[in-house]
Amino acid sequence: MTEAEGTVIELLPSELVKVVLEGGRHQVIAHHADPVRRNYVRLVVGDRVRVALMANDRGRGRVLERL
């Protein structure tokens, strides 16, 4: 998996978030990774996050941590 940093731009249903990656060209729809969800980390619009991109679909990812 590839990791990238980005900013949350929209909160979606079912704990999904839309993240724009650094550079502003790519947007990713991501879900919370287990450690993020387990510690009750709430993401809000404007948060900087580190995202692991899926190998077969670069438009989907998983939020690893809030920066």
C-alpha atoms as a PDB file:
ATOM      1  CA  MET A   1       0.000   0.000   0.000  1.00  0.00           C
ATOM      2  CA  THR A   2       1.027   3.566  -0.653  1.00  0.00           C
ATOM      3  CA  GLU A   3       0.689   6.215   2.028  1.00  0.00           C
ATOM      4  CA  ALA A   4      -0.067   9.888   1.456  1.00  0.00           C
ATOM      5  CA  GLU A   5      -1.064  12.935   3.461  1.00  0.00           C
ATOM      6  CA  GLY A   6      -4.117  15.041   2.821  1.00  0.00           C
ATOM      7  CA  THR A   7      -6.916  17.176   4.224  1.00  0.00           C
ATOM      8  CA  VAL A   8     -10.486  16.136   5.023  1.00  0.00           C
ATOM      9  CA  ILE A   9     -12.865  18.130   2.819  1.00  0.00           C
ATOM     10  CA  GLU A  10     -16.183  16.344   3.398  1.00  0.00           C
ATOM     11  CA  LEU A  11     -17.780  13.950   5.896  1.00  0.00           C
ATOM     12  CA  LEU A  12     -19.880  11.212   4.286  1.00  0.00           C
ATOM     13  CA  PRO A  13     -22.337   8.672   5.781  1.00  0.00           C
ATOM     14  CA  SER A  14     -21.107   5.401   7.316  1.00  0.00           C
ATOM     15  CA  GLU A  15     -17.921   6.970   8.731  1.00  0.00           C
ATOM     16  CA  LEU A  16     -16.507   7.703   5.277  1.00  0.00           C
ATOM     17  CA  VAL A  17     -14.555  10.869   4.580  1.00  0.00           C
ATOM     18  CA  LYS A  18     -13.466  12.575   1.377  1.00  0.00           C
ATOM     19  CA  VAL A  19      -9.794  13.550   1.460  1.00  0.00           C
ATOM     20  CA  VAL A  20      -7.914  15.757  -0.986  1.00  0.00           C
ATOM     21  CA  LEU A  21      -4.278  14.673  -1.197  1.00  0.00           C
ATOM     22  CA  GLU A  22      -1.326  17.056  -1.107  1.00  0.00           C
ATOM     23  CA  GLY A  23      -1.033  18.959  -4.334  1.00  0.00           C
ATOM     24  CA  GLY A  24      -4.823  19.220  -4.625  1.00  0.00           C
ATOM     25  CA  ARG A  25      -5.154  17.071  -7.750  1.00  0.00           C
ATOM     26  CA  HIS A  26      -6.468  13.794  -6.307  1.00  0.00           C
ATOM     27  CA  GLN A  27      -9.459  13.086  -4.097  1.00  0.00           C
ATOM     28  CA  VAL A  28      -9.878   9.855  -2.160  1.00  0.00           C
ATOM     29  CA  ILE A  29     -12.831   8.367  -0.299  1.00  0.00           C
ATOM     30  CA  ALA A  30     -11.494   6.765   2.873  1.00  0.00           C
ATOM     31  CA  HIS A  31     -12.783   4.890   5.915  1.00  0.00           C
ATOM     32  CA  HIS A  32     -11.387   4.805   9.444  1.00  0.00           C
ATOM     33  CA  ALA A  33      -8.741   2.209  10.279  1.00  0.00           C
ATOM     34  CA  ASP A  34      -9.450   0.104  13.397  1.00  0.00           C
ATOM     35  CA  PRO A  35      -7.075   1.946  15.788  1.00  0.00           C
ATOM     36  CA  VAL A  36      -8.599   5.290  14.784  1.00  0.00           C
ATOM     37  CA  ARG A  37     -12.138   4.027  15.393  1.00  0.00           C
ATOM     38  CA  ARG A  38     -11.191   2.192  18.595  1.00  0.00           C
ATOM     39  CA  ASN A  39      -9.866   5.385  20.206  1.00  0.00           C
ATOM     40  CA  TYR A  40     -12.992   7.383  19.273  1.00  0.00           C
ATOM     41  CA  VAL A  41     -11.076   9.846  17.118  1.00  0.00           C
ATOM     42  CA  ARG A  42     -13.565  12.190  15.469  1.00  0.00           C
ATOM     43  CA  LEU A  43     -12.537  13.718  12.183  1.00  0.00           C
ATOM     44  CA  VAL A  44     -13.816  17.123  11.152  1.00  0.00           C
ATOM     45  CA  VAL A  45     -13.484  19.090   7.929  1.00  0.00           C
ATOM     46  CA  GLY A  46     -10.011  20.615   7.713  1.00  0.00           C
ATOM     47  CA  ASP A  47      -8.159  17.890   9.659  1.00  0.00           C
ATOM     48  CA  ARG A  48      -4.813  16.755   8.227  1.00  0.00           C
ATOM     49  CA  VAL A  49      -4.665  12.951   7.953  1.00  0.00           C
ATOM     50  CA  ARG A  50      -2.358  10.201   6.714  1.00  0.00           C
ATOM     51  CA  VAL A  51      -4.106   7.853   4.270  1.00  0.00           C
ATOM     52  CA  ALA A  52      -3.118   4.391   3.033  1.00  0.00           C
ATOM     53  CA  LEU A  53      -4.222   4.045  -0.596  1.00  0.00           C
ATOM     54  CA  MET A  54      -5.566   0.717  -1.855  1.00  0.00           C
ATOM     55  CA  ALA A  55      -3.318  -1.056  -4.340  1.00  0.00           C
ATOM     56  CA  ASN A  56      -6.047  -1.917  -6.854  1.00  0.00           C
ATOM     57  CA  ASP A  57      -8.172   1.268  -6.560  1.00  0.00           C
ATOM     58  CA  ARG A  58      -6.370   4.591  -6.000  1.00  0.00           C
ATOM     59  CA  GLY A  59      -9.690   6.347  -5.345  1.00  0.00           C
ATOM     60  CA  ARG A  60     -10.236   4.472  -2.065  1.00  0.00           C
ATOM     61  CA  GLY A  61      -8.198   4.437   1.104  1.00  0.00           C
ATOM     62  CA  ARG A  62      -7.993   4.051   4.859  1.00  0.00           C
ATOM     63  CA  VAL A  63      -7.306   6.824   7.385  1.00  0.00           C
ATOM     64  CA  LEU A  64      -4.327   5.726   9.469  1.00  0.00           C
ATOM     65  CA  GLU A  65      -3.965   8.722  11.763  1.00  0.00           C
ATOM     66  CA  ARG A  66      -4.847  12.338  12.311  1.00  0.00           C
ATOM     67  CA  LEU A  67      -1.814  14.619  12.106  1.00  0.00           C
END
